Each structure stands twice: as C-alpha cells, then as structure tokens.
C-alpha atoms as a PDB file:
ATOM      1  CA  UNK A   1     -17.820  18.434 230.395  1.00  0.00           C
ATOM      2  CA  UNK A   2     -16.118  21.556 229.016  1.00  0.00           C
ATOM      3  CA  UNK A   3     -13.265  21.108 231.512  1.00  0.00           C
ATOM      4  CA  UNK A   4     -12.870  17.462 230.512  1.00  0.00           C
ATOM      5  CA  UNK A   5     -12.848  18.318 226.824  1.00  0.00           C
ATOM      6  CA  UNK A   6     -10.212  21.025 227.306  1.00  0.00           C
ATOM      7  CA  UNK A   7      -8.074  18.634 229.358  1.00  0.00           C
ATOM      8  CA  UNK A   8      -8.366  15.928 226.693  1.00  0.00           C
ATOM      9  CA  UNK A   9      -7.191  18.383 224.055  1.00  0.00           C
ATOM     10  CA  UNK A  10      -4.197  19.431 226.149  1.00  0.00           C
ATOM     11  CA  UNK A  11      -3.322  15.813 226.962  1.00  0.00           C
ATOM     12  CA  UNK A  12      -3.836  14.425 223.460  1.00  0.00           C
ATOM     13  CA  UNK A  13      -0.161  13.371 223.366  1.00  0.00           C
ATOM     14  CA  UNK A  14      -0.753  10.807 226.138  1.00  0.00           C
ATOM     15  CA  UNK A  15      -1.711   7.189 225.486  1.00  0.00           C
ATOM     16  CA  UNK A  16      -5.372   6.581 226.275  1.00  0.00           C
ATOM     17  CA  UNK A  17      -6.551   3.914 228.722  1.00  0.00           C
ATOM     18  CA  UNK A  18     -10.045   2.454 229.263  1.00  0.00           C
ATOM     19  CA  UNK A  19     -12.602   4.356 231.333  1.00  0.00           C
ATOM     20  CA  UNK A  20     -12.696   3.546 235.036  1.00  0.00           C
ATOM     21  CA  UNK A  21     -15.898   3.778 237.086  1.00  0.00           C
ATOM     22  CA  UNK A  22     -17.313   7.298 236.592  1.00  0.00           C
ATOM     23  CA  UNK A  23     -14.044   8.624 235.124  1.00  0.00           C
ATOM     24  CA  UNK A  24     -14.176   8.732 231.327  1.00  0.00           C
ATOM     25  CA  UNK A  25     -10.771  10.297 230.631  1.00  0.00           C
ATOM     26  CA  UNK A  26      -7.960   7.900 231.478  1.00  0.00           C
ATOM     27  CA  UNK A  27      -4.376   7.437 230.369  1.00  0.00           C
ATOM     28  CA  UNK A  28      -1.798   4.665 230.334  1.00  0.00           C
ATOM     29  CA  UNK A  29       1.268   6.257 231.931  1.00  0.00           C
ATOM     30  CA  UNK A  30       3.094   2.973 232.582  1.00  0.00           C
ATOM     31  CA  UNK A  31       6.830   3.198 232.065  1.00  0.00           C
ATOM     32  CA  UNK A  32       6.879   7.007 232.108  1.00  0.00           C
ATOM     33  CA  UNK A  33       8.986   8.822 234.688  1.00  0.00           C
ATOM     34  CA  UNK A  34       7.830  12.334 233.798  1.00  0.00           C
ATOM     35  CA  UNK A  35       4.498  13.434 232.352  1.00  0.00           C
ATOM     36  CA  UNK A  36       3.427  16.894 231.214  1.00  0.00           C
ATOM     37  CA  UNK A  37      -0.282  17.570 231.656  1.00  0.00           C
ATOM     38  CA  UNK A  38      -2.427  20.689 231.375  1.00  0.00           C
ATOM     39  CA  UNK A  39      -2.703  22.845 234.485  1.00  0.00           C
ATOM     40  CA  UNK A  40      -6.100  22.957 236.183  1.00  0.00           C
ATOM     41  CA  UNK A  41      -7.017  26.222 237.902  1.00  0.00           C
ATOM     42  CA  UNK A  42     -10.282  26.817 239.751  1.00  0.00           C
ATOM     43  CA  UNK A  43     -11.391  30.402 239.177  1.00  0.00           C
ATOM     44  CA  UNK A  44     -13.441  32.128 241.847  1.00  0.00           C
ATOM     45  CA  UNK A  45     -14.441  35.760 242.220  1.00  0.00           C
ATOM     46  CA  UNK A  46     -11.342  37.330 243.726  1.00  0.00           C
ATOM     47  CA  UNK A  47      -9.122  34.229 243.757  1.00  0.00           C
ATOM     48  CA  UNK A  48      -7.674  31.473 241.593  1.00  0.00           C
ATOM     49  CA  UNK A  49      -6.667  28.079 242.990  1.00  0.00           C
ATOM     50  CA  UNK A  50      -4.081  26.177 240.961  1.00  0.00           C
ATOM     51  CA  UNK A  51      -4.297  22.452 241.640  1.00  0.00           C
ATOM     52  CA  UNK A  52      -1.284  20.148 241.676  1.00  0.00           C
ATOM     53  CA  UNK A  53      -1.586  17.331 239.125  1.00  0.00           C
ATOM     54  CA  UNK A  54      -2.006  14.787 241.945  1.00  0.00           C
ATOM     55  CA  UNK A  55      -5.337  16.471 242.740  1.00  0.00           C
ATOM     56  CA  UNK A  56      -6.832  15.775 239.331  1.00  0.00           C
ATOM     57  CA  UNK A  57      -4.880  12.941 237.722  1.00  0.00           C
ATOM     58  CA  UNK A  58      -5.201   9.935 239.997  1.00  0.00           C
ATOM     59  CA  UNK A  59      -3.970   6.326 239.823  1.00  0.00           C
ATOM     60  CA  UNK A  60      -6.767   3.781 239.413  1.00  0.00           C
ATOM     61  CA  UNK A  61      -4.751   0.554 239.321  1.00  0.00           C
ATOM     62  CA  UNK A  62      -1.239  -0.783 239.838  1.00  0.00           C
ATOM     63  CA  UNK A  63      -0.503  -0.923 236.103  1.00  0.00           C
ATOM     64  CA  UNK A  64       0.049   2.778 235.439  1.00  0.00           C
ATOM     65  CA  UNK A  65      -3.494   3.855 234.550  1.00  0.00           C
ATOM     66  CA  UNK A  66      -4.427   7.339 235.699  1.00  0.00           C
ATOM     67  CA  UNK A  67      -7.767   9.101 235.275  1.00  0.00           C
ATOM     68  CA  UNK A  68      -8.829  12.721 235.162  1.00  0.00           C
ATOM     69  CA  UNK A  69     -10.621  13.033 238.510  1.00  0.00           C
ATOM     70  CA  UNK A  70     -13.563  15.124 237.400  1.00  0.00           C
ATOM     71  CA  UNK A  71     -16.908  13.758 236.315  1.00  0.00           C
ATOM     72  CA  UNK A  72     -19.206  15.503 233.868  1.00  0.00           C
ATOM     73  CA  UNK A  73     -22.678  16.684 234.722  1.00  0.00           C
ATOM     74  CA  UNK A  74     -25.628  17.837 232.680  1.00  0.00           C
ATOM     75  CA  UNK A  75     -26.883  20.167 235.431  1.00  0.00           C
ATOM     76  CA  UNK A  76     -25.490  23.506 236.567  1.00  0.00           C
ATOM     77  CA  UNK A  77     -24.248  21.904 239.789  1.00  0.00           C
ATOM     78  CA  UNK A  78     -20.502  21.547 240.281  1.00  0.00           C
ATOM     79  CA  UNK A  79     -18.827  19.841 243.224  1.00  0.00           C
ATOM     80  CA  UNK A  80     -15.222  20.344 244.284  1.00  0.00           C
ATOM     81  CA  UNK A  81     -14.496  16.847 245.545  1.00  0.00           C
ATOM     82  CA  UNK A  82     -12.244  15.508 248.246  1.00  0.00           C
ATOM     83  CA  UNK A  83      -9.493  14.676 245.746  1.00  0.00           C
ATOM     84  CA  UNK A  84      -9.291  18.282 244.589  1.00  0.00           C
ATOM     85  CA  UNK A  85      -9.279  19.533 248.190  1.00  0.00           C
ATOM     86  CA  UNK A  86      -6.372  17.333 249.361  1.00  0.00           C
ATOM     87  CA  UNK A  87      -3.365  19.326 250.522  1.00  0.00           C
ATOM     88  CA  UNK A  88      -5.459  22.466 251.032  1.00  0.00           C
ATOM     89  CA  UNK A  89      -7.001  23.960 254.102  1.00  0.00           C
ATOM     90  CA  UNK A  90     -10.527  24.894 253.029  1.00  0.00           C
ATOM     91  CA  UNK A  91     -12.454  27.487 255.029  1.00  0.00           C
ATOM     92  CA  UNK A  92     -16.176  28.014 254.560  1.00  0.00           C
ATOM     93  CA  UNK A  93     -17.621  31.363 255.670  1.00  0.00           C
ATOM     94  CA  UNK A  94     -21.324  30.643 255.320  1.00  0.00           C
ATOM     95  CA  UNK A  95     -22.412  33.949 256.863  1.00  0.00           C
ATOM     96  CA  UNK A  96     -20.578  35.918 254.177  1.00  0.00           C
ATOM     97  CA  UNK A  97     -21.024  33.338 251.381  1.00  0.00           C
ATOM     98  CA  UNK A  98     -17.264  32.939 250.906  1.00  0.00           C
ATOM     99  CA  UNK A  99     -14.831  30.075 250.639  1.00  0.00           C
ATOM    100  CA  UNK A 100     -11.078  30.208 251.092  1.00  0.00           C
ATOM    101  CA  UNK A 101      -8.225  27.874 250.139  1.00  0.00           C
ATOM    102  CA  UNK A 102      -4.737  27.766 251.618  1.00  0.00           C
ATOM    103  CA  UNK A 103      -2.045  25.305 250.534  1.00  0.00           C
ATOM    104  CA  UNK A 104      -0.495  22.828 252.962  1.00  0.00           C
ATOM    105  CA  UNK A 105      -3.656  21.803 254.775  1.00  0.00           C
ATOM    106  CA  UNK A 106      -4.208  18.197 255.801  1.00  0.00           C
ATOM    107  CA  UNK A 107      -2.455  15.707 253.530  1.00  0.00           C
END
C-alpha cells in the first residue's frame, strides 16, 4: 500500500483511469507517445533491482489503459509476481536463504 501511494504521488500528472480487477491504480495513456513514471526499485540486503516500467505499468485493454501491477495487502506478506520477474533470470538459493536477479533472462 505504501508503494502504491508513493507511485500515485509520483504519477499524479497522469490522467486516471478506472480500476481494473485487483489493480486500483490505473491511468489513461491513450494518445501519448512518451510517458514519464516513477522508477520502482526493489531493495534487498546487498542488492537493488531496478525494474523497467513494463514490469510494473501494464496494459489492461486496447484503449490505452495501463495499471500499476502491484496489489496492496494488509499482511506482512509480499510477493514478487511474474510480471515483475519478466526479463530477469531469477536464482533461488534455498540452502543459503538468498535470491539473485540478473537482467536479460527469459522474455
């Protein structure tokens, strides 16, 4: 929820669109050829992963509506979904409780 609120503040210049499914932060980007949006960076102990905008601002129709691809939660559980992982090779080292990200994984 804090991430969503910060993104909304940084994208307040964009025209809002109706919510879509579980996504409550959507924008009407129809007719725009270039859009500036806040950068989303996942911070881990020892590493930061900067996501390309296509991994968090996704099209939801053919009319130019895009939604912020994170959903809020009231619990302490956070999930890095398949949309955020696209274009990255993700390595899970369960024995050492580590995760690694490298750009240019499967697209």
